[in-house]
Full PDB file with SEQRES, HELIX, SHEET, SSBOND, CRYST1, ORIGX, SCALE, CONECT and MASTER records, all heavy atoms in Angstrom:
SEQRES   1 A   36  GLU PRO ALA LEU LEU ALA ALA ALA ALA GLU ASN PRO GLY          
SEQRES   2 A   36  GLY SER VAL ALA GLU ILE ASP PRO THR HIS ILE ASP ASP          
SEQRES   3 A   36  PRO ASP GLY TYR VAL PRO PRO GLU ALA ILE                      
HELIX    1 AA1 PRO A    2  ALA A    9  1                                   8    
HELIX    2 AA2 PRO A   21  HIS A   23  5                                   3    
HELIX    3 AA3 PRO A   33  ALA A   35  5                                   3    
CRYST1    1.000    1.000    1.000  90.00  90.00  90.00 P 1           1          
ORIGX1      1.000000  0.000000  0.000000        0.00000                         
ORIGX2      0.000000  1.000000  0.000000        0.00000                         
ORIGX3      0.000000  0.000000  1.000000        0.00000                         
SCALE1      1.000000  0.000000  0.000000        0.00000                         
SCALE2      0.000000  1.000000  0.000000        0.00000                         
SCALE3      0.000000  0.000000  1.000000        0.00000                         
ATOM      1  N   GLU A   1     -39.529  59.412  45.457  1.00  0.00           N  
ATOM      2  CA  GLU A   1     -40.534  58.875  44.508  1.00  0.00           C  
ATOM      3  C   GLU A   1     -41.799  59.685  44.619  1.00  0.00           C  
ATOM      4  O   GLU A   1     -42.429  59.666  45.719  1.00  0.00           O  
ATOM      5  CB  GLU A   1     -40.800  57.399  44.784  1.00  0.00           C  
ATOM      6  CG  GLU A   1     -39.552  56.513  44.632  1.00  0.00           C  
ATOM      7  CD  GLU A   1     -39.808  55.115  45.001  1.00  0.00           C  
ATOM      8  OE1 GLU A   1     -41.024  54.599  44.834  1.00  0.00           O  
ATOM      9  OE2 GLU A   1     -38.926  54.451  45.553  1.00  0.00           O  
ATOM     10  N   PRO A   2     -42.230  60.351  43.587  1.00  0.00           N  
ATOM     11  CA  PRO A   2     -43.444  61.194  43.614  1.00  0.00           C  
ATOM     12  C   PRO A   2     -44.699  60.472  44.176  1.00  0.00           C  
ATOM     13  O   PRO A   2     -45.428  61.009  45.026  1.00  0.00           O  
ATOM     14  CB  PRO A   2     -43.671  61.660  42.218  1.00  0.00           C  
ATOM     15  CG  PRO A   2     -42.305  61.601  41.583  1.00  0.00           C  
ATOM     16  CD  PRO A   2     -41.614  60.403  42.250  1.00  0.00           C  
ATOM     17  N   ALA A   3     -44.938  59.213  43.756  1.00  0.00           N  
ATOM     18  CA  ALA A   3     -46.099  58.489  44.237  1.00  0.00           C  
ATOM     19  C   ALA A   3     -46.038  58.249  45.721  1.00  0.00           C  
ATOM     20  O   ALA A   3     -47.024  58.362  46.459  1.00  0.00           O  
ATOM     21  CB  ALA A   3     -46.292  57.202  43.500  1.00  0.00           C  
ATOM     22  N   LEU A   4     -44.842  57.856  46.207  1.00  0.00           N  
ATOM     23  CA  LEU A   4     -44.649  57.575  47.627  1.00  0.00           C  
ATOM     24  C   LEU A   4     -44.815  58.864  48.449  1.00  0.00           C  
ATOM     25  O   LEU A   4     -45.463  58.880  49.519  1.00  0.00           O  
ATOM     26  CB  LEU A   4     -43.239  56.962  47.857  1.00  0.00           C  
ATOM     27  CG  LEU A   4     -42.941  56.479  49.232  1.00  0.00           C  
ATOM     28  CD1 LEU A   4     -43.842  55.346  49.662  1.00  0.00           C  
ATOM     29  CD2 LEU A   4     -41.483  56.021  49.308  1.00  0.00           C  
ATOM     30  N   LEU A   5     -44.258  59.918  47.972  1.00  0.00           N  
ATOM     31  CA  LEU A   5     -44.382  61.207  48.691  1.00  0.00           C  
ATOM     32  C   LEU A   5     -45.803  61.679  48.742  1.00  0.00           C  
ATOM     33  O   LEU A   5     -46.281  62.227  49.749  1.00  0.00           O  
ATOM     34  CB  LEU A   5     -43.485  62.285  48.063  1.00  0.00           C  
ATOM     35  CG  LEU A   5     -41.979  61.935  48.097  1.00  0.00           C  
ATOM     36  CD1 LEU A   5     -41.148  62.956  47.338  1.00  0.00           C  
ATOM     37  CD2 LEU A   5     -41.459  61.824  49.506  1.00  0.00           C  
ATOM     38  N   ALA A   6     -46.503  61.477  47.627  1.00  0.00           N  
ATOM     39  CA  ALA A   6     -47.948  61.876  47.589  1.00  0.00           C  
ATOM     40  C   ALA A   6     -48.792  61.055  48.552  1.00  0.00           C  
ATOM     41  O   ALA A   6     -49.640  61.580  49.251  1.00  0.00           O  
ATOM     42  CB  ALA A   6     -48.507  61.732  46.180  1.00  0.00           C  
ATOM     43  N   ALA A   7     -48.450  59.757  48.617  1.00  0.00           N  
ATOM     44  CA  ALA A   7     -49.184  58.861  49.538  1.00  0.00           C  
ATOM     45  C   ALA A   7     -48.886  59.249  50.993  1.00  0.00           C  
ATOM     46  O   ALA A   7     -49.783  59.271  51.845  1.00  0.00           O  
ATOM     47  CB  ALA A   7     -48.792  57.414  49.316  1.00  0.00           C  
ATOM     48  N   ALA A   8     -47.662  59.664  51.270  1.00  0.00           N  
ATOM     49  CA  ALA A   8     -47.296  60.113  52.628  1.00  0.00           C  
ATOM     50  C   ALA A   8     -48.061  61.404  52.970  1.00  0.00           C  
ATOM     51  O   ALA A   8     -48.601  61.498  54.085  1.00  0.00           O  
ATOM     52  CB  ALA A   8     -45.792  60.349  52.702  1.00  0.00           C  
ATOM     53  N   ALA A   9     -48.182  62.319  52.044  1.00  0.00           N  
ATOM     54  CA  ALA A   9     -48.925  63.539  52.327  1.00  0.00           C  
ATOM     55  C   ALA A   9     -50.406  63.286  52.587  1.00  0.00           C  
ATOM     56  O   ALA A   9     -51.035  64.029  53.377  1.00  0.00           O  
ATOM     57  CB  ALA A   9     -48.802  64.461  51.099  1.00  0.00           C  
ATOM     58  N   GLU A  10     -50.955  62.213  52.059  1.00  0.00           N  
ATOM     59  CA  GLU A  10     -52.313  61.838  52.289  1.00  0.00           C  
ATOM     60  C   GLU A  10     -52.520  61.044  53.604  1.00  0.00           C  
ATOM     61  O   GLU A  10     -53.649  60.843  54.024  1.00  0.00           O  
ATOM     62  CB  GLU A  10     -52.877  60.966  51.148  1.00  0.00           C  
ATOM     63  CG  GLU A  10     -52.951  61.724  49.806  1.00  0.00           C  
ATOM     64  CD  GLU A  10     -53.327  60.803  48.686  1.00  0.00           C  
ATOM     65  OE1 GLU A  10     -53.686  59.624  48.917  1.00  0.00           O  
ATOM     66  OE2 GLU A  10     -53.279  61.238  47.508  1.00  0.00           O  
ATOM     67  N   ASN A  11     -51.414  60.700  54.259  1.00  0.00           N  
ATOM     68  CA  ASN A  11     -51.532  59.861  55.481  1.00  0.00           C  
ATOM     69  C   ASN A  11     -50.677  60.384  56.604  1.00  0.00           C  
ATOM     70  O   ASN A  11     -49.822  59.692  57.158  1.00  0.00           O  
ATOM     71  CB  ASN A  11     -51.066  58.372  55.151  1.00  0.00           C  
ATOM     72  CG  ASN A  11     -52.020  57.712  54.223  1.00  0.00           C  
ATOM     73  OD1 ASN A  11     -53.106  57.388  54.626  1.00  0.00           O  
ATOM     74  ND2 ASN A  11     -51.562  57.516  52.974  1.00  0.00           N  
ATOM     75  N   PRO A  12     -50.890  61.649  57.024  1.00  0.00           N  
ATOM     76  CA  PRO A  12     -50.068  62.197  58.110  1.00  0.00           C  
ATOM     77  C   PRO A  12     -50.246  61.412  59.415  1.00  0.00           C  
ATOM     78  O   PRO A  12     -51.332  60.985  59.737  1.00  0.00           O  
ATOM     79  CB  PRO A  12     -50.613  63.652  58.273  1.00  0.00           C  
ATOM     80  CG  PRO A  12     -51.855  63.684  57.533  1.00  0.00           C  
ATOM     81  CD  PRO A  12     -51.910  62.621  56.524  1.00  0.00           C  
ATOM     82  N   GLY A  13     -49.078  61.146  60.000  1.00  0.00           N  
ATOM     83  CA  GLY A  13     -49.122  60.370  61.276  1.00  0.00           C  
ATOM     84  C   GLY A  13     -49.266  58.877  61.094  1.00  0.00           C  
ATOM     85  O   GLY A  13     -49.316  58.146  62.057  1.00  0.00           O  
ATOM     86  N   GLY A  14     -49.293  58.438  59.843  1.00  0.00           N  
ATOM     87  CA  GLY A  14     -49.485  57.009  59.554  1.00  0.00           C  
ATOM     88  C   GLY A  14     -48.265  56.372  58.956  1.00  0.00           C  
ATOM     89  O   GLY A  14     -47.147  56.662  59.403  1.00  0.00           O  
ATOM     90  N   SER A  15     -48.493  55.574  57.954  1.00  0.00           N  
ATOM     91  CA  SER A  15     -47.388  54.853  57.289  1.00  0.00           C  
ATOM     92  C   SER A  15     -47.776  54.618  55.838  1.00  0.00           C  
ATOM     93  O   SER A  15     -48.979  54.726  55.470  1.00  0.00           O  
ATOM     94  CB  SER A  15     -47.051  53.539  57.972  1.00  0.00           C  
ATOM     95  OG  SER A  15     -48.152  52.711  57.956  1.00  0.00           O  
ATOM     96  N   VAL A  16     -46.786  54.412  55.002  1.00  0.00           N  
ATOM     97  CA  VAL A  16     -47.041  54.105  53.602  1.00  0.00           C  
ATOM     98  C   VAL A  16     -46.304  52.842  53.299  1.00  0.00           C  
ATOM     99  O   VAL A  16     -45.111  52.701  53.501  1.00  0.00           O  
ATOM    100  CB  VAL A  16     -46.449  55.280  52.719  1.00  0.00           C  
ATOM    101  CG1 VAL A  16     -46.658  54.976  51.253  1.00  0.00           C  
ATOM    102  CG2 VAL A  16     -47.140  56.582  53.057  1.00  0.00           C  
ATOM    103  N   ALA A  17     -47.060  51.851  52.727  1.00  0.00           N  
ATOM    104  CA  ALA A  17     -46.477  50.588  52.456  1.00  0.00           C  
ATOM    105  C   ALA A  17     -45.661  50.549  51.150  1.00  0.00           C  
ATOM    106  O   ALA A  17     -46.065  51.238  50.169  1.00  0.00           O  
ATOM    107  CB  ALA A  17     -47.616  49.492  52.345  1.00  0.00           C  
ATOM    108  N   GLU A  18     -44.602  49.795  51.177  1.00  0.00           N  
ATOM    109  CA  GLU A  18     -43.827  49.568  49.909  1.00  0.00           C  
ATOM    110  C   GLU A  18     -44.228  48.214  49.409  1.00  0.00           C  
ATOM    111  O   GLU A  18     -43.985  47.198  50.026  1.00  0.00           O  
ATOM    112  CB  GLU A  18     -42.326  49.601  50.219  1.00  0.00           C  
ATOM    113  CG  GLU A  18     -41.469  49.313  48.984  1.00  0.00           C  
ATOM    114  CD  GLU A  18     -39.937  49.324  49.322  1.00  0.00           C  
ATOM    115  OE1 GLU A  18     -39.598  49.240  50.500  1.00  0.00           O  
ATOM    116  OE2 GLU A  18     -39.225  49.293  48.387  1.00  0.00           O  
ATOM    117  N   ILE A  19     -44.894  48.186  48.273  1.00  0.00           N  
ATOM    118  CA  ILE A  19     -45.458  46.928  47.708  1.00  0.00           C  
ATOM    119  C   ILE A  19     -44.534  46.358  46.637  1.00  0.00           C  
ATOM    120  O   ILE A  19     -44.001  47.103  45.806  1.00  0.00           O  
ATOM    121  CB  ILE A  19     -46.864  47.236  47.065  1.00  0.00           C  
ATOM    122  CG1 ILE A  19     -47.787  47.765  48.188  1.00  0.00           C  
ATOM    123  CG2 ILE A  19     -47.430  46.032  46.462  1.00  0.00           C  
ATOM    124  CD1 ILE A  19     -49.123  48.318  47.689  1.00  0.00           C  
ATOM    125  N   ASP A  20     -44.326  45.089  46.701  1.00  0.00           N  
ATOM    126  CA  ASP A  20     -43.466  44.368  45.781  1.00  0.00           C  
ATOM    127  C   ASP A  20     -44.303  44.074  44.552  1.00  0.00           C  
ATOM    128  O   ASP A  20     -45.217  43.224  44.618  1.00  0.00           O  
ATOM    129  CB  ASP A  20     -42.969  43.104  46.394  1.00  0.00           C  
ATOM    130  CG  ASP A  20     -41.967  42.328  45.514  1.00  0.00           C  
ATOM    131  OD1 ASP A  20     -41.933  42.622  44.319  1.00  0.00           O  
ATOM    132  OD2 ASP A  20     -41.270  41.524  46.077  1.00  0.00           O  
ATOM    133  N   PRO A  21     -44.095  44.687  43.420  1.00  0.00           N  
ATOM    134  CA  PRO A  21     -44.921  44.481  42.224  1.00  0.00           C  
ATOM    135  C   PRO A  21     -44.810  43.135  41.607  1.00  0.00           C  
ATOM    136  O   PRO A  21     -45.661  42.713  40.777  1.00  0.00           O  
ATOM    137  CB  PRO A  21     -44.488  45.580  41.248  1.00  0.00           C  
ATOM    138  CG  PRO A  21     -43.048  45.872  41.703  1.00  0.00           C  
ATOM    139  CD  PRO A  21     -43.014  45.669  43.165  1.00  0.00           C  
ATOM    140  N   THR A  22     -43.814  42.337  42.015  1.00  0.00           N  
ATOM    141  CA  THR A  22     -43.698  41.013  41.387  1.00  0.00           C  
ATOM    142  C   THR A  22     -44.737  40.011  41.927  1.00  0.00           C  
ATOM    143  O   THR A  22     -44.872  38.941  41.396  1.00  0.00           O  
ATOM    144  CB  THR A  22     -42.233  40.417  41.665  1.00  0.00           C  
ATOM    145  OG1 THR A  22     -41.998  40.312  43.024  1.00  0.00           O  
ATOM    146  CG2 THR A  22     -41.216  41.338  41.023  1.00  0.00           C  
ATOM    147  N   HIS A  23     -45.346  40.380  43.082  1.00  0.00           N  
ATOM    148  CA  HIS A  23     -46.280  39.462  43.673  1.00  0.00           C  
ATOM    149  C   HIS A  23     -47.788  39.844  43.434  1.00  0.00           C  
ATOM    150  O   HIS A  23     -48.675  39.136  43.912  1.00  0.00           O  
ATOM    151  CB  HIS A  23     -46.072  39.378  45.194  1.00  0.00           C  
ATOM    152  CG  HIS A  23     -44.757  38.870  45.569  1.00  0.00           C  
ATOM    153  ND1 HIS A  23     -44.218  37.629  45.073  1.00  0.00           N  
ATOM    154  CD2 HIS A  23     -43.751  39.326  46.346  1.00  0.00           C  
ATOM    155  CE1 HIS A  23     -43.038  37.447  45.534  1.00  0.00           C  
ATOM    156  NE2 HIS A  23     -42.733  38.437  46.331  1.00  0.00           N  
ATOM    157  N   ILE A  24     -48.062  40.970  42.781  1.00  0.00           N  
ATOM    158  CA  ILE A  24     -49.434  41.386  42.556  1.00  0.00           C  
ATOM    159  C   ILE A  24     -49.629  41.914  41.178  1.00  0.00           C  
ATOM    160  O   ILE A  24     -48.650  42.350  40.528  1.00  0.00           O  
ATOM    161  CB  ILE A  24     -49.848  42.439  43.608  1.00  0.00           C  
ATOM    162  CG1 ILE A  24     -48.953  43.714  43.499  1.00  0.00           C  
ATOM    163  CG2 ILE A  24     -49.870  41.942  45.011  1.00  0.00           C  
ATOM    164  CD1 ILE A  24     -49.516  44.866  44.214  1.00  0.00           C  
ATOM    165  N   ASP A  25     -50.844  41.923  40.719  1.00  0.00           N  
ATOM    166  CA  ASP A  25     -51.144  42.436  39.375  1.00  0.00           C  
ATOM    167  C   ASP A  25     -51.634  43.870  39.447  1.00  0.00           C  
ATOM    168  O   ASP A  25     -51.395  44.668  38.552  1.00  0.00           O  
ATOM    169  CB  ASP A  25     -52.219  41.604  38.678  1.00  0.00           C  
ATOM    170  CG  ASP A  25     -51.764  40.204  38.373  1.00  0.00           C  
ATOM    171  OD1 ASP A  25     -50.513  40.050  38.177  1.00  0.00           O  
ATOM    172  OD2 ASP A  25     -52.578  39.301  38.337  1.00  0.00           O  
ATOM    173  N   ASP A  26     -52.353  44.206  40.532  1.00  0.00           N  
ATOM    174  CA  ASP A  26     -52.977  45.532  40.659  1.00  0.00           C  
ATOM    175  C   ASP A  26     -52.712  46.111  42.062  1.00  0.00           C  
ATOM    176  O   ASP A  26     -53.318  45.644  43.037  1.00  0.00           O  
ATOM    177  CB  ASP A  26     -54.514  45.373  40.429  1.00  0.00           C  
ATOM    178  CG  ASP A  26     -55.258  46.680  40.591  1.00  0.00           C  
ATOM    179  OD1 ASP A  26     -54.623  47.755  40.712  1.00  0.00           O  
ATOM    180  OD2 ASP A  26     -56.486  46.663  40.606  1.00  0.00           O  
ATOM    181  N   PRO A  27     -51.813  47.081  42.152  1.00  0.00           N  
ATOM    182  CA  PRO A  27     -51.452  47.643  43.487  1.00  0.00           C  
ATOM    183  C   PRO A  27     -52.657  48.366  44.147  1.00  0.00           C  
ATOM    184  O   PRO A  27     -52.637  48.639  45.333  1.00  0.00           O  
ATOM    185  CB  PRO A  27     -50.315  48.608  43.229  1.00  0.00           C  
ATOM    186  CG  PRO A  27     -50.448  48.940  41.768  1.00  0.00           C  
ATOM    187  CD  PRO A  27     -51.068  47.707  41.107  1.00  0.00           C  
ATOM    188  N   ASP A  28     -53.719  48.706  43.365  1.00  0.00           N  
ATOM    189  CA  ASP A  28     -54.904  49.309  43.923  1.00  0.00           C  
ATOM    190  C   ASP A  28     -55.913  48.295  44.306  1.00  0.00           C  
ATOM    191  O   ASP A  28     -57.027  48.636  44.825  1.00  0.00           O  
ATOM    192  CB  ASP A  28     -55.455  50.319  42.884  1.00  0.00           C  
ATOM    193  CG  ASP A  28     -54.513  51.474  42.615  1.00  0.00           C  
ATOM    194  OD1 ASP A  28     -53.838  51.897  43.585  1.00  0.00           O  
ATOM    195  OD2 ASP A  28     -54.428  51.880  41.472  1.00  0.00           O  
ATOM    196  N   GLY A  29     -55.695  46.996  44.034  1.00  0.00           N  
ATOM    197  CA  GLY A  29     -56.575  45.908  44.433  1.00  0.00           C  
ATOM    198  C   GLY A  29     -56.129  45.256  45.695  1.00  0.00           C  
ATOM    199  O   GLY A  29     -55.405  45.914  46.496  1.00  0.00           O  
ATOM    200  N   TYR A  30     -56.467  44.009  45.862  1.00  0.00           N  
ATOM    201  CA  TYR A  30     -56.059  43.264  47.084  1.00  0.00           C  
ATOM    202  C   TYR A  30     -54.543  43.079  47.054  1.00  0.00           C  
ATOM    203  O   TYR A  30     -53.982  42.622  46.043  1.00  0.00           O  
ATOM    204  CB  TYR A  30     -56.811  41.937  47.171  1.00  0.00           C  
ATOM    205  CG  TYR A  30     -56.293  41.069  48.309  1.00  0.00           C  
ATOM    206  CD1 TYR A  30     -56.583  41.358  49.613  1.00  0.00           C  
ATOM    207  CD2 TYR A  30     -55.467  39.989  48.035  1.00  0.00           C  
ATOM    208  CE1 TYR A  30     -56.097  40.630  50.613  1.00  0.00           C  
ATOM    209  CE2 TYR A  30     -55.029  39.172  49.063  1.00  0.00           C  
ATOM    210  CZ  TYR A  30     -55.313  39.526  50.370  1.00  0.00           C  
ATOM    211  OH  TYR A  30     -54.831  38.766  51.369  1.00  0.00           O  
ATOM    212  N   VAL A  31     -53.927  43.373  48.183  1.00  0.00           N  
ATOM    213  CA  VAL A  31     -52.488  43.126  48.334  1.00  0.00           C  
ATOM    214  C   VAL A  31     -52.275  42.184  49.522  1.00  0.00           C  
ATOM    215  O   VAL A  31     -52.580  42.559  50.667  1.00  0.00           O  
ATOM    216  CB  VAL A  31     -51.739  44.458  48.566  1.00  0.00           C  
ATOM    217  CG1 VAL A  31     -50.249  44.214  48.795  1.00  0.00           C  
ATOM    218  CG2 VAL A  31     -51.963  45.426  47.414  1.00  0.00           C  
ATOM    219  N   PRO A  32     -51.795  40.939  49.269  1.00  0.00           N  
ATOM    220  CA  PRO A  32     -51.599  40.063  50.394  1.00  0.00           C  
ATOM    221  C   PRO A  32     -50.450  40.575  51.273  1.00  0.00           C  
ATOM    222  O   PRO A  32     -49.530  41.229  50.734  1.00  0.00           O  
ATOM    223  CB  PRO A  32     -51.226  38.708  49.691  1.00  0.00           C  
ATOM    224  CG  PRO A  32     -50.719  39.114  48.381  1.00  0.00           C  
ATOM    225  CD  PRO A  32     -51.434  40.372  47.999  1.00  0.00           C  
ATOM    226  N   PRO A  33     -50.436  40.222  52.550  1.00  0.00           N  
ATOM    227  CA  PRO A  33     -49.387  40.703  53.479  1.00  0.00           C  
ATOM    228  C   PRO A  33     -48.001  40.379  52.946  1.00  0.00           C  
ATOM    229  O   PRO A  33     -47.057  41.149  53.171  1.00  0.00           O  
ATOM    230  CB  PRO A  33     -49.697  39.992  54.791  1.00  0.00           C  
ATOM    231  CG  PRO A  33     -51.121  39.601  54.715  1.00  0.00           C  
ATOM    232  CD  PRO A  33     -51.431  39.402  53.298  1.00  0.00           C  
ATOM    233  N   GLU A  34     -47.820  39.240  52.280  1.00  0.00           N  
ATOM    234  CA  GLU A  34     -46.503  38.812  51.798  1.00  0.00           C  
ATOM    235  C   GLU A  34     -45.942  39.668  50.692  1.00  0.00           C  
ATOM    236  O   GLU A  34     -44.808  39.711  50.413  1.00  0.00           O  
ATOM    237  CB  GLU A  34     -46.526  37.357  51.328  1.00  0.00           C  
ATOM    238  CG  GLU A  34     -46.885  36.356  52.395  1.00  0.00           C  
ATOM    239  CD  GLU A  34     -48.345  36.104  52.556  1.00  0.00           C  
ATOM    240  OE1 GLU A  34     -49.190  36.812  51.944  1.00  0.00           O  
ATOM    241  OE2 GLU A  34     -48.705  35.162  53.246  1.00  0.00           O  
ATOM    242  N   ALA A  35     -46.816  40.477  50.030  1.00  0.00           N  
ATOM    243  CA  ALA A  35     -46.451  41.353  48.944  1.00  0.00           C  
ATOM    244  C   ALA A  35     -45.947  42.712  49.444  1.00  0.00           C  
ATOM    245  O   ALA A  35     -45.457  43.503  48.655  1.00  0.00           O  
ATOM    246  CB  ALA A  35     -47.581  41.543  47.940  1.00  0.00           C  
ATOM    247  N   ILE A  36     -46.029  42.962  50.773  1.00  0.00           N  
ATOM    248  CA  ILE A  36     -45.571  44.213  51.341  1.00  0.00           C  
ATOM    249  C   ILE A  36     -44.154  44.074  51.809  1.00  0.00           C  
ATOM    250  O   ILE A  36     -43.856  43.251  52.707  1.00  0.00           O  
ATOM    251  CB  ILE A  36     -46.536  44.700  52.468  1.00  0.00           C  
ATOM    252  CG1 ILE A  36     -47.970  44.809  52.011  1.00  0.00           C  
ATOM    253  CG2 ILE A  36     -45.958  45.929  53.147  1.00  0.00           C  
ATOM    254  CD1 ILE A  36     -48.955  45.084  53.095  1.00  0.00           C  
TER     255      ILE A  36                                                      
MASTER        0    0    0    3    0    0    0    6  254    1    0    3          
END                                                                             
């Protein structure tokens, strides 16, 4: 997935969260822990 790969490139040595879009309206806004 291009967006996931780009996020990984921006976070070397870290992690990239997979967000469940059914639980949030804006993935760039607040994401509750249960939506990850």
